[in-house]
Amino acid sequence: DIEFDKQAVLEELADVMNYCIQMSQVLDVDIVEIINKKM
């Protein structure tokens, strides 16, 4: 958990975020609004 491949981390993080954005689009919700409500 100290020495890791940052580029690999960024690529996987991008994949997670990409699918999250797609989910918000499919559900027709404003991603900023739902995050603010949860916050």
Full PDB file with SEQRES, HELIX, SHEET, SSBOND, CRYST1, ORIGX, SCALE, CONECT and MASTER records, all heavy atoms in Angstrom:
SEQRES   1 A   39  ASP ILE GLU PHE ASP LYS GLN ALA VAL LEU GLU GLU LEU          
SEQRES   2 A   39  ALA ASP VAL MET ASN TYR CYS ILE GLN MET SER GLN VAL          
SEQRES   3 A   39  LEU ASP VAL ASP ILE VAL GLU ILE ILE ASN LYS LYS MET          
HELIX    1 AA1 LYS A    6  VAL A   26  1                                  21    
HELIX    2 AA2 ILE A   31  LYS A   38  1                                   8    
CRYST1    1.000    1.000    1.000  90.00  90.00  90.00 P 1           1          
ORIGX1      1.000000  0.000000  0.000000        0.00000                         
ORIGX2      0.000000  1.000000  0.000000        0.00000                         
ORIGX3      0.000000  0.000000  1.000000        0.00000                         
SCALE1      1.000000  0.000000  0.000000        0.00000                         
SCALE2      0.000000  1.000000  0.000000        0.00000                         
SCALE3      0.000000  0.000000  1.000000        0.00000                         
ATOM      1  N   ASP A   1       0.805  -1.220   0.000  1.00  0.00           N  
ATOM      2  CA  ASP A   1       0.000   0.000   0.000  1.00  0.00           C  
ATOM      3  C   ASP A   1       0.837   1.269   0.000  1.00  0.00           C  
ATOM      4  O   ASP A   1       0.295   2.368   0.058  1.00  0.00           O  
ATOM      5  CB  ASP A   1      -0.997   0.012   1.162  1.00  0.00           C  
ATOM      6  CG  ASP A   1      -0.335  -0.076   2.521  1.00  0.00           C  
ATOM      7  OD1 ASP A   1       0.884  -0.296   2.575  1.00  0.00           O  
ATOM      8  OD2 ASP A   1      -1.048   0.072   3.524  1.00  0.00           O  
ATOM      9  N   ILE A   2       2.152   1.119  -0.088  1.00  0.00           N  
ATOM     10  CA  ILE A   2       3.039   2.282  -0.138  1.00  0.00           C  
ATOM     11  C   ILE A   2       3.653   2.442  -1.527  1.00  0.00           C  
ATOM     12  O   ILE A   2       3.658   3.526  -2.089  1.00  0.00           O  
ATOM     13  CB  ILE A   2       4.148   2.169   0.932  1.00  0.00           C  
ATOM     14  CG1 ILE A   2       3.508   2.165   2.325  1.00  0.00           C  
ATOM     15  CG2 ILE A   2       5.163   3.287   0.797  1.00  0.00           C  
ATOM     16  CD1 ILE A   2       4.447   1.782   3.431  1.00  0.00           C  
ATOM     17  N   GLU A   3       4.155   1.354  -2.052  1.00  0.00           N  
ATOM     18  CA  GLU A   3       4.736   1.376  -3.395  1.00  0.00           C  
ATOM     19  C   GLU A   3       3.725   0.779  -4.361  1.00  0.00           C  
ATOM     20  O   GLU A   3       3.427  -0.408  -4.302  1.00  0.00           O  
ATOM     21  CB  GLU A   3       6.035   0.579  -3.429  1.00  0.00           C  
ATOM     22  CG  GLU A   3       7.128   1.179  -2.566  1.00  0.00           C  
ATOM     23  CD  GLU A   3       8.381   0.317  -2.534  1.00  0.00           C  
ATOM     24  OE1 GLU A   3       8.623  -0.419  -3.500  1.00  0.00           O  
ATOM     25  OE2 GLU A   3       9.094   0.386  -1.528  1.00  0.00           O  
ATOM     26  N   PHE A   4       3.181   1.621  -5.237  1.00  0.00           N  
ATOM     27  CA  PHE A   4       2.180   1.159  -6.190  1.00  0.00           C  
ATOM     28  C   PHE A   4       2.386   1.880  -7.516  1.00  0.00           C  
ATOM     29  O   PHE A   4       3.054   2.906  -7.579  1.00  0.00           O  
ATOM     30  CB  PHE A   4       0.758   1.376  -5.668  1.00  0.00           C  
ATOM     31  CG  PHE A   4       0.484   2.804  -5.255  1.00  0.00           C  
ATOM     32  CD1 PHE A   4       0.030   3.739  -6.178  1.00  0.00           C  
ATOM     33  CD2 PHE A   4       0.687   3.218  -3.947  1.00  0.00           C  
ATOM     34  CE1 PHE A   4      -0.208   5.038  -5.813  1.00  0.00           C  
ATOM     35  CE2 PHE A   4       0.443   4.522  -3.565  1.00  0.00           C  
ATOM     36  CZ  PHE A   4      -0.004   5.449  -4.506  1.00  0.00           C  
ATOM     37  N   ASP A   5       1.814   1.332  -8.553  1.00  0.00           N  
ATOM     38  CA  ASP A   5       1.904   1.907  -9.888  1.00  0.00           C  
ATOM     39  C   ASP A   5       0.819   2.973 -10.021  1.00  0.00           C  
ATOM     40  O   ASP A   5      -0.357   2.648 -10.215  1.00  0.00           O  
ATOM     41  CB  ASP A   5       1.729   0.796 -10.926  1.00  0.00           C  
ATOM     42  CG  ASP A   5       1.821   1.276 -12.359  1.00  0.00           C  
ATOM     43  OD1 ASP A   5       1.736   2.503 -12.606  1.00  0.00           O  
ATOM     44  OD2 ASP A   5       1.967   0.418 -13.248  1.00  0.00           O  
ATOM     45  N   LYS A   6       1.214   4.221  -9.901  1.00  0.00           N  
ATOM     46  CA  LYS A   6       0.236   5.311  -9.917  1.00  0.00           C  
ATOM     47  C   LYS A   6      -0.541   5.347 -11.226  1.00  0.00           C  
ATOM     48  O   LYS A   6      -1.748   5.609 -11.226  1.00  0.00           O  
ATOM     49  CB  LYS A   6       0.913   6.660  -9.671  1.00  0.00           C  
ATOM     50  CG  LYS A   6      -0.087   7.795  -9.542  1.00  0.00           C  
ATOM     51  CD  LYS A   6       0.572   9.094  -9.136  1.00  0.00           C  
ATOM     52  CE  LYS A   6      -0.459  10.193  -9.018  1.00  0.00           C  
ATOM     53  NZ  LYS A   6       0.155  11.468  -8.622  1.00  0.00           N  
ATOM     54  N   GLN A   7       0.108   5.086 -12.343  1.00  0.00           N  
ATOM     55  CA  GLN A   7      -0.586   5.105 -13.635  1.00  0.00           C  
ATOM     56  C   GLN A   7      -1.679   4.041 -13.670  1.00  0.00           C  
ATOM     57  O   GLN A   7      -2.785   4.293 -14.148  1.00  0.00           O  
ATOM     58  CB  GLN A   7       0.394   4.910 -14.796  1.00  0.00           C  
ATOM     59  CG  GLN A   7      -0.251   5.066 -16.164  1.00  0.00           C  
ATOM     60  CD  GLN A   7      -0.930   6.409 -16.369  1.00  0.00           C  
ATOM     61  OE1 GLN A   7      -0.417   7.454 -15.963  1.00  0.00           O  
ATOM     62  NE2 GLN A   7      -2.098   6.404 -16.980  1.00  0.00           N  
ATOM     63  N   ALA A   8      -1.393   2.866 -13.145  1.00  0.00           N  
ATOM     64  CA  ALA A   8      -2.405   1.804 -13.085  1.00  0.00           C  
ATOM     65  C   ALA A   8      -3.569   2.222 -12.188  1.00  0.00           C  
ATOM     66  O   ALA A   8      -4.735   1.984 -12.511  1.00  0.00           O  
ATOM     67  CB  ALA A   8      -1.787   0.500 -12.590  1.00  0.00           C  
ATOM     68  N   VAL A   9      -3.257   2.855 -11.064  1.00  0.00           N  
ATOM     69  CA  VAL A   9      -4.296   3.344 -10.156  1.00  0.00           C  
ATOM     70  C   VAL A   9      -5.184   4.356 -10.870  1.00  0.00           C  
ATOM     71  O   VAL A   9      -6.418   4.285 -10.796  1.00  0.00           O  
ATOM     72  CB  VAL A   9      -3.669   3.963  -8.880  1.00  0.00           C  
ATOM     73  CG1 VAL A   9      -4.711   4.709  -8.061  1.00  0.00           C  
ATOM     74  CG2 VAL A   9      -2.997   2.882  -8.043  1.00  0.00           C  
ATOM     75  N   LEU A  10      -4.573   5.291 -11.581  1.00  0.00           N  
ATOM     76  CA  LEU A  10      -5.344   6.318 -12.283  1.00  0.00           C  
ATOM     77  C   LEU A  10      -6.243   5.721 -13.364  1.00  0.00           C  
ATOM     78  O   LEU A  10      -7.377   6.166 -13.555  1.00  0.00           O  
ATOM     79  CB  LEU A  10      -4.406   7.365 -12.880  1.00  0.00           C  
ATOM     80  CG  LEU A  10      -3.588   8.176 -11.878  1.00  0.00           C  
ATOM     81  CD1 LEU A  10      -2.682   9.167 -12.599  1.00  0.00           C  
ATOM     82  CD2 LEU A  10      -4.473   8.881 -10.872  1.00  0.00           C  
ATOM     83  N   GLU A  11      -5.747   4.712 -14.058  1.00  0.00           N  
ATOM     84  CA  GLU A  11      -6.560   4.065 -15.100  1.00  0.00           C  
ATOM     85  C   GLU A  11      -7.757   3.348 -14.497  1.00  0.00           C  
ATOM     86  O   GLU A  11      -8.869   3.434 -15.020  1.00  0.00           O  
ATOM     87  CB  GLU A  11      -5.696   3.122 -15.935  1.00  0.00           C  
ATOM     88  CG  GLU A  11      -4.755   3.888 -16.843  1.00  0.00           C  
ATOM     89  CD  GLU A  11      -3.924   3.000 -17.740  1.00  0.00           C  
ATOM     90  OE1 GLU A  11      -4.246   1.795 -17.892  1.00  0.00           O  
ATOM     91  OE2 GLU A  11      -2.944   3.516 -18.309  1.00  0.00           O  
ATOM     92  N   GLU A  12      -7.554   2.651 -13.398  1.00  0.00           N  
ATOM     93  CA  GLU A  12      -8.669   1.954 -12.752  1.00  0.00           C  
ATOM     94  C   GLU A  12      -9.652   2.950 -12.135  1.00  0.00           C  
ATOM     95  O   GLU A  12     -10.865   2.758 -12.195  1.00  0.00           O  
ATOM     96  CB  GLU A  12      -8.170   0.959 -11.713  1.00  0.00           C  
ATOM     97  CG  GLU A  12      -7.328  -0.175 -12.278  1.00  0.00           C  
ATOM     98  CD  GLU A  12      -8.012  -0.976 -13.378  1.00  0.00           C  
ATOM     99  OE1 GLU A  12      -9.247  -1.017 -13.454  1.00  0.00           O  
ATOM    100  OE2 GLU A  12      -7.276  -1.580 -14.190  1.00  0.00           O  
ATOM    101  N   LEU A  13      -9.135   4.018 -11.542  1.00  0.00           N  
ATOM    102  CA  LEU A  13      -9.997   5.061 -10.998  1.00  0.00           C  
ATOM    103  C   LEU A  13     -10.849   5.679 -12.107  1.00  0.00           C  
ATOM    104  O   LEU A  13     -12.052   5.907 -11.923  1.00  0.00           O  
ATOM    105  CB  LEU A  13      -9.147   6.130 -10.308  1.00  0.00           C  
ATOM    106  CG  LEU A  13      -9.888   7.321  -9.713  1.00  0.00           C  
ATOM    107  CD1 LEU A  13     -10.879   6.868  -8.643  1.00  0.00           C  
ATOM    108  CD2 LEU A  13      -8.884   8.314  -9.138  1.00  0.00           C  
ATOM    109  N   ALA A  14     -10.244   5.915 -13.253  1.00  0.00           N  
ATOM    110  CA  ALA A  14     -10.989   6.451 -14.396  1.00  0.00           C  
ATOM    111  C   ALA A  14     -12.089   5.494 -14.827  1.00  0.00           C  
ATOM    112  O   ALA A  14     -13.207   5.930 -15.150  1.00  0.00           O  
ATOM    113  CB  ALA A  14     -10.039   6.739 -15.562  1.00  0.00           C  
ATOM    114  N   ASP A  15     -11.812   4.195 -14.824  1.00  0.00           N  
ATOM    115  CA  ASP A  15     -12.838   3.211 -15.188  1.00  0.00           C  
ATOM    116  C   ASP A  15     -14.015   3.268 -14.216  1.00  0.00           C  
ATOM    117  O   ASP A  15     -15.178   3.246 -14.642  1.00  0.00           O  
ATOM    118  CB  ASP A  15     -12.254   1.790 -15.197  1.00  0.00           C  
ATOM    119  CG  ASP A  15     -11.349   1.525 -16.384  1.00  0.00           C  
ATOM    120  OD1 ASP A  15     -11.417   2.265 -17.381  1.00  0.00           O  
ATOM    121  OD2 ASP A  15     -10.555   0.555 -16.307  1.00  0.00           O  
ATOM    122  N   VAL A  16     -13.728   3.334 -12.919  1.00  0.00           N  
ATOM    123  CA  VAL A  16     -14.789   3.415 -11.909  1.00  0.00           C  
ATOM    124  C   VAL A  16     -15.629   4.668 -12.144  1.00  0.00           C  
ATOM    125  O   VAL A  16     -16.865   4.614 -12.177  1.00  0.00           O  
ATOM    126  CB  VAL A  16     -14.205   3.414 -10.476  1.00  0.00           C  
ATOM    127  CG1 VAL A  16     -15.288   3.704  -9.446  1.00  0.00           C  
ATOM    128  CG2 VAL A  16     -13.521   2.086 -10.168  1.00  0.00           C  
ATOM    129  N   MET A  17     -14.960   5.784 -12.320  1.00  0.00           N  
ATOM    130  CA  MET A  17     -15.668   7.052 -12.488  1.00  0.00           C  
ATOM    131  C   MET A  17     -16.474   7.081 -13.787  1.00  0.00           C  
ATOM    132  O   MET A  17     -17.594   7.603 -13.826  1.00  0.00           O  
ATOM    133  CB  MET A  17     -14.677   8.203 -12.422  1.00  0.00           C  
ATOM    134  CG  MET A  17     -14.044   8.315 -11.039  1.00  0.00           C  
ATOM    135  SD  MET A  17     -12.709   9.501 -10.923  1.00  0.00           S  
ATOM    136  CE  MET A  17     -13.647  11.016 -10.955  1.00  0.00           C  
ATOM    137  N   ASN A  18     -15.926   6.486 -14.837  1.00  0.00           N  
ATOM    138  CA  ASN A  18     -16.630   6.421 -16.113  1.00  0.00           C  
ATOM    139  C   ASN A  18     -17.958   5.680 -15.942  1.00  0.00           C  
ATOM    140  O   ASN A  18     -19.014   6.162 -16.373  1.00  0.00           O  
ATOM    141  CB  ASN A  18     -15.732   5.718 -17.145  1.00  0.00           C  
ATOM    142  CG  ASN A  18     -16.310   5.687 -18.536  1.00  0.00           C  
ATOM    143  OD1 ASN A  18     -17.513   5.592 -18.736  1.00  0.00           O  
ATOM    144  ND2 ASN A  18     -15.437   5.742 -19.519  1.00  0.00           N  
ATOM    145  N   TYR A  19     -17.917   4.526 -15.297  1.00  0.00           N  
ATOM    146  CA  TYR A  19     -19.155   3.774 -15.088  1.00  0.00           C  
ATOM    147  C   TYR A  19     -20.111   4.508 -14.155  1.00  0.00           C  
ATOM    148  O   TYR A  19     -21.334   4.433 -14.326  1.00  0.00           O  
ATOM    149  CB  TYR A  19     -18.860   2.364 -14.566  1.00  0.00           C  
ATOM    150  CG  TYR A  19     -18.418   1.415 -15.654  1.00  0.00           C  
ATOM    151  CD1 TYR A  19     -17.191   0.755 -15.568  1.00  0.00           C  
ATOM    152  CD2 TYR A  19     -19.215   1.159 -16.763  1.00  0.00           C  
ATOM    153  CE1 TYR A  19     -16.780  -0.122 -16.567  1.00  0.00           C  
ATOM    154  CE2 TYR A  19     -18.807   0.289 -17.765  1.00  0.00           C  
ATOM    155  CZ  TYR A  19     -17.594  -0.347 -17.658  1.00  0.00           C  
ATOM    156  OH  TYR A  19     -17.187  -1.222 -18.647  1.00  0.00           O  
ATOM    157  N   CYS A  20     -19.585   5.226 -13.176  1.00  0.00           N  
ATOM    158  CA  CYS A  20     -20.460   6.014 -12.293  1.00  0.00           C  
ATOM    159  C   CYS A  20     -21.166   7.122 -13.073  1.00  0.00           C  
ATOM    160  O   CYS A  20     -22.368   7.364 -12.881  1.00  0.00           O  
ATOM    161  CB  CYS A  20     -19.662   6.603 -11.132  1.00  0.00           C  
ATOM    162  SG  CYS A  20     -19.122   5.386  -9.921  1.00  0.00           S  
ATOM    163  N   ILE A  21     -20.435   7.777 -13.946  1.00  0.00           N  
ATOM    164  CA  ILE A  21     -21.048   8.812 -14.783  1.00  0.00           C  
ATOM    165  C   ILE A  21     -22.118   8.198 -15.673  1.00  0.00           C  
ATOM    166  O   ILE A  21     -23.221   8.738 -15.813  1.00  0.00           O  
ATOM    167  CB  ILE A  21     -19.979   9.553 -15.611  1.00  0.00           C  
ATOM    168  CG1 ILE A  21     -19.123  10.422 -14.691  1.00  0.00           C  
ATOM    169  CG2 ILE A  21     -20.618  10.387 -16.717  1.00  0.00           C  
ATOM    170  CD1 ILE A  21     -17.871  10.988 -15.344  1.00  0.00           C  
ATOM    171  N   GLN A  22     -21.818   7.035 -16.259  1.00  0.00           N  
ATOM    172  CA  GLN A  22     -22.813   6.374 -17.105  1.00  0.00           C  
ATOM    173  C   GLN A  22     -24.060   5.999 -16.309  1.00  0.00           C  
ATOM    174  O   GLN A  22     -25.179   6.134 -16.802  1.00  0.00           O  
ATOM    175  CB  GLN A  22     -22.213   5.134 -17.766  1.00  0.00           C  
ATOM    176  CG  GLN A  22     -21.196   5.476 -18.840  1.00  0.00           C  
ATOM    177  CD  GLN A  22     -20.659   4.248 -19.510  1.00  0.00           C  
ATOM    178  OE1 GLN A  22     -21.400   3.518 -20.159  1.00  0.00           O  
ATOM    179  NE2 GLN A  22     -19.359   4.004 -19.372  1.00  0.00           N  
ATOM    180  N   MET A  23     -23.870   5.537 -15.075  1.00  0.00           N  
ATOM    181  CA  MET A  23     -25.012   5.185 -14.230  1.00  0.00           C  
ATOM    182  C   MET A  23     -25.872   6.415 -13.990  1.00  0.00           C  
ATOM    183  O   MET A  23     -27.104   6.340 -14.065  1.00  0.00           O  
ATOM    184  CB  MET A  23     -24.523   4.595 -12.904  1.00  0.00           C  
ATOM    185  CG  MET A  23     -25.632   4.316 -11.914  1.00  0.00           C  
ATOM    186  SD  MET A  23     -26.582   2.825 -12.252  1.00  0.00           S  
ATOM    187  CE  MET A  23     -25.621   1.647 -11.338  1.00  0.00           C  
ATOM    188  N   SER A  24     -25.244   7.549 -13.716  1.00  0.00           N  
ATOM    189  CA  SER A  24     -26.024   8.766 -13.483  1.00  0.00           C  
ATOM    190  C   SER A  24     -26.798   9.164 -14.730  1.00  0.00           C  
ATOM    191  O   SER A  24     -27.922   9.658 -14.638  1.00  0.00           O  
ATOM    192  CB  SER A  24     -25.112   9.913 -13.017  1.00  0.00           C  
ATOM    193  OG  SER A  24     -24.348  10.443 -14.076  1.00  0.00           O  
ATOM    194  N   GLN A  25     -26.221   8.931 -15.888  1.00  0.00           N  
ATOM    195  CA  GLN A  25     -26.912   9.260 -17.140  1.00  0.00           C  
ATOM    196  C   GLN A  25     -28.095   8.316 -17.381  1.00  0.00           C  
ATOM    197  O   GLN A  25     -29.178   8.757 -17.761  1.00  0.00           O  
ATOM    198  CB  GLN A  25     -25.932   9.214 -18.315  1.00  0.00           C  
ATOM    199  CG  GLN A  25     -24.932  10.351 -18.280  1.00  0.00           C  
ATOM    200  CD  GLN A  25     -23.897  10.244 -19.380  1.00  0.00           C  
ATOM    201  OE1 GLN A  25     -23.122   9.284 -19.437  1.00  0.00           O  
ATOM    202  NE2 GLN A  25     -23.869  11.228 -20.254  1.00  0.00           N  
ATOM    203  N   VAL A  26     -27.896   7.041 -17.153  1.00  0.00           N  
ATOM    204  CA  VAL A  26     -28.967   6.064 -17.347  1.00  0.00           C  
ATOM    205  C   VAL A  26     -30.129   6.334 -16.392  1.00  0.00           C  
ATOM    206  O   VAL A  26     -31.297   6.217 -16.762  1.00  0.00           O  
ATOM    207  CB  VAL A  26     -28.433   4.616 -17.182  1.00  0.00           C  
ATOM    208  CG1 VAL A  26     -29.565   3.618 -17.051  1.00  0.00           C  
ATOM    209  CG2 VAL A  26     -27.538   4.247 -18.364  1.00  0.00           C  
ATOM    210  N   LEU A  27     -29.804   6.727 -15.169  1.00  0.00           N  
ATOM    211  CA  LEU A  27     -30.835   7.015 -14.169  1.00  0.00           C  
ATOM    212  C   LEU A  27     -31.383   8.436 -14.298  1.00  0.00           C  
ATOM    213  O   LEU A  27     -32.303   8.809 -13.569  1.00  0.00           O  
ATOM    214  CB  LEU A  27     -30.280   6.789 -12.760  1.00  0.00           C  
ATOM    215  CG  LEU A  27     -29.877   5.361 -12.426  1.00  0.00           C  
ATOM    216  CD1 LEU A  27     -29.251   5.303 -11.040  1.00  0.00           C  
ATOM    217  CD2 LEU A  27     -31.051   4.407 -12.538  1.00  0.00           C  
ATOM    218  N   ASP A  28     -30.796   9.205 -15.203  1.00  0.00           N  
ATOM    219  CA  ASP A  28     -31.206  10.591 -15.460  1.00  0.00           C  
ATOM    220  C   ASP A  28     -31.166  11.425 -14.185  1.00  0.00           C  
ATOM    221  O   ASP A  28     -32.162  12.040 -13.798  1.00  0.00           O  
ATOM    222  CB  ASP A  28     -32.587  10.639 -16.113  1.00  0.00           C  
ATOM    223  CG  ASP A  28     -32.914  12.016 -16.686  1.00  0.00           C  
ATOM    224  OD1 ASP A  28     -31.974  12.740 -17.052  1.00  0.00           O  
ATOM    225  OD2 ASP A  28     -34.110  12.362 -16.744  1.00  0.00           O  
ATOM    226  N   VAL A  29     -30.018  11.402 -13.531  1.00  0.00           N  
ATOM    227  CA  VAL A  29     -29.825  12.202 -12.323  1.00  0.00           C  
ATOM    228  C   VAL A  29     -28.604  13.093 -12.499  1.00  0.00           C  
ATOM    229  O   VAL A  29     -27.669  12.767 -13.245  1.00  0.00           O  
ATOM    230  CB  VAL A  29     -29.658  11.321 -11.057  1.00  0.00           C  
ATOM    231  CG1 VAL A  29     -30.930  10.553 -10.770  1.00  0.00           C  
ATOM    232  CG2 VAL A  29     -28.480  10.377 -11.171  1.00  0.00           C  
ATOM    233  N   ASP A  30     -28.617  14.203 -11.795  1.00  0.00           N  
ATOM    234  CA  ASP A  30     -27.503  15.144 -11.799  1.00  0.00           C  
ATOM    235  C   ASP A  30     -26.477  14.654 -10.794  1.00  0.00           C  
ATOM    236  O   ASP A  30     -26.744  14.617  -9.585  1.00  0.00           O  
ATOM    237  CB  ASP A  30     -28.023  16.529 -11.431  1.00  0.00           C  
ATOM    238  CG  ASP A  30     -26.944  17.592 -11.421  1.00  0.00           C  
ATOM    239  OD1 ASP A  30     -25.795  17.299 -11.019  1.00  0.00           O  
ATOM    240  OD2 ASP A  30     -27.255  18.738 -11.807  1.00  0.00           O  
ATOM    241  N   ILE A  31     -25.315  14.274 -11.276  1.00  0.00           N  
ATOM    242  CA  ILE A  31     -24.291  13.675 -10.423  1.00  0.00           C  
ATOM    243  C   ILE A  31     -23.836  14.641  -9.330  1.00  0.00           C  
ATOM    244  O   ILE A  31     -23.601  14.233  -8.188  1.00  0.00           O  
ATOM    245  CB  ILE A  31     -23.112  13.144 -11.278  1.00  0.00           C  
ATOM    246  CG1 ILE A  31     -22.285  12.140 -10.487  1.00  0.00           C  
ATOM    247  CG2 ILE A  31     -22.265  14.257 -11.839  1.00  0.00           C  
ATOM    248  CD1 ILE A  31     -21.352  11.318 -11.334  1.00  0.00           C  
ATOM    249  N   VAL A  32     -23.724  15.915  -9.642  1.00  0.00           N  
ATOM    250  CA  VAL A  32     -23.321  16.903  -8.644  1.00  0.00           C  
ATOM    251  C   VAL A  32     -24.388  17.028  -7.564  1.00  0.00           C  
ATOM    252  O   VAL A  32     -24.083  17.066  -6.365  1.00  0.00           O  
ATOM    253  CB  VAL A  32     -23.024  18.272  -9.309  1.00  0.00           C  
ATOM    254  CG1 VAL A  32     -22.763  19.339  -8.269  1.00  0.00           C  
ATOM    255  CG2 VAL A  32     -21.849  18.151 -10.277  1.00  0.00           C  
ATOM    256  N   GLU A  33     -25.640  17.024  -7.975  1.00  0.00           N  
ATOM    257  CA  GLU A  33     -26.747  17.138  -7.014  1.00  0.00           C  
ATOM    258  C   GLU A  33     -26.804  15.948  -6.065  1.00  0.00           C  
ATOM    259  O   GLU A  33     -26.953  16.120  -4.859  1.00  0.00           O  
ATOM    260  CB  GLU A  33     -28.073  17.272  -7.769  1.00  0.00           C  
ATOM    261  CG  GLU A  33     -29.268  17.454  -6.878  1.00  0.00           C  
ATOM    262  CD  GLU A  33     -30.564  17.573  -7.663  1.00  0.00           C  
ATOM    263  OE1 GLU A  33     -30.564  18.219  -8.721  1.00  0.00           O  
ATOM    264  OE2 GLU A  33     -31.565  16.999  -7.197  1.00  0.00           O  
ATOM    265  N   ILE A  34     -26.669  14.745  -6.598  1.00  0.00           N  
ATOM    266  CA  ILE A  34     -26.778  13.576  -5.716  1.00  0.00           C  
ATOM    267  C   ILE A  34     -25.585  13.474  -4.768  1.00  0.00           C  
ATOM    268  O   ILE A  34     -25.727  13.036  -3.630  1.00  0.00           O  
ATOM    269  CB  ILE A  34     -27.012  12.255  -6.488  1.00  0.00           C  
ATOM    270  CG1 ILE A  34     -25.829  11.890  -7.385  1.00  0.00           C  
ATOM    271  CG2 ILE A  34     -28.313  12.305  -7.279  1.00  0.00           C  
ATOM    272  CD1 ILE A  34     -25.916  10.516  -8.017  1.00  0.00           C  
ATOM    273  N   ILE A  35     -24.406  13.904  -5.223  1.00  0.00           N  
ATOM    274  CA  ILE A  35     -23.246  13.890  -4.329  1.00  0.00           C  
ATOM    275  C   ILE A  35     -23.424  14.930  -3.235  1.00  0.00           C  
ATOM    276  O   ILE A  35     -23.142  14.664  -2.060  1.00  0.00           O  
ATOM    277  CB  ILE A  35     -21.935  14.095  -5.114  1.00  0.00           C  
ATOM    278  CG1 ILE A  35     -21.656  12.857  -5.978  1.00  0.00           C  
ATOM    279  CG2 ILE A  35     -20.766  14.366  -4.159  1.00  0.00           C  
ATOM    280  CD1 ILE A  35     -20.498  13.010  -6.950  1.00  0.00           C  
ATOM    281  N   ASN A  36     -23.922  16.104  -3.593  1.00  0.00           N  
ATOM    282  CA  ASN A  36     -24.157  17.138  -2.580  1.00  0.00           C  
ATOM    283  C   ASN A  36     -25.206  16.702  -1.562  1.00  0.00           C  
ATOM    284  O   ASN A  36     -25.039  16.940  -0.357  1.00  0.00           O  
ATOM    285  CB  ASN A  36     -24.549  18.464  -3.229  1.00  0.00           C  
ATOM    286  CG  ASN A  36     -23.341  19.249  -3.686  1.00  0.00           C  
ATOM    287  OD1 ASN A  36     -22.317  19.277  -3.013  1.00  0.00           O  
ATOM    288  ND2 ASN A  36     -23.454  19.885  -4.831  1.00  0.00           N  
ATOM    289  N   LYS A  37     -26.264  16.046  -2.015  1.00  0.00           N  
ATOM    290  CA  LYS A  37     -27.287  15.550  -1.080  1.00  0.00           C  
ATOM    291  C   LYS A  37     -26.691  14.523  -0.120  1.00  0.00           C  
ATOM    292  O   LYS A  37     -26.974  14.530   1.074  1.00  0.00           O  
ATOM    293  CB  LYS A  37     -28.466  14.937  -1.833  1.00  0.00           C  
ATOM    294  CG  LYS A  37     -29.416  15.940  -2.406  1.00  0.00           C  
ATOM    295  CD  LYS A  37     -30.597  15.257  -3.072  1.00  0.00           C  
ATOM    296  CE  LYS A  37     -31.580  16.269  -3.630  1.00  0.00           C  
ATOM    297  NZ  LYS A  37     -32.713  15.620  -4.304  1.00  0.00           N  
ATOM    298  N   LYS A  38     -25.866  13.644  -0.640  1.00  0.00           N  
ATOM    299  CA  LYS A  38     -25.227  12.633   0.204  1.00  0.00           C  
ATOM    300  C   LYS A  38     -24.246  13.289   1.167  1.00  0.00           C  
ATOM    301  O   LYS A  38     -24.157  12.889   2.341  1.00  0.00           O  
ATOM    302  CB  LYS A  38     -24.517  11.580  -0.664  1.00  0.00           C  
ATOM    303  CG  LYS A  38     -23.855  10.480   0.121  1.00  0.00           C  
ATOM    304  CD  LYS A  38     -24.843   9.665   0.933  1.00  0.00           C  
ATOM    305  CE  LYS A  38     -24.130   8.532   1.651  1.00  0.00           C  
ATOM    306  NZ  LYS A  38     -25.042   7.656   2.365  1.00  0.00           N  
ATOM    307  N   MET A  39     -23.525  14.301   0.724  1.00  0.00           N  
ATOM    308  CA  MET A  39     -22.613  15.024   1.612  1.00  0.00           C  
ATOM    309  C   MET A  39     -23.385  15.690   2.751  1.00  0.00           C  
ATOM    310  O   MET A  39     -22.934  15.666   3.900  1.00  0.00           O  
ATOM    311  CB  MET A  39     -21.816  16.078   0.837  1.00  0.00           C  
ATOM    312  CG  MET A  39     -20.702  15.516  -0.035  1.00  0.00           C  
ATOM    313  SD  MET A  39     -19.442  14.573   0.856  1.00  0.00           S  
ATOM    314  CE  MET A  39     -18.875  15.778   2.046  1.00  0.00           C  
TER     315      MET A  39                                                      
MASTER        0    0    0    2    0    0    0    6  314    1    0    3          
END                                                                             
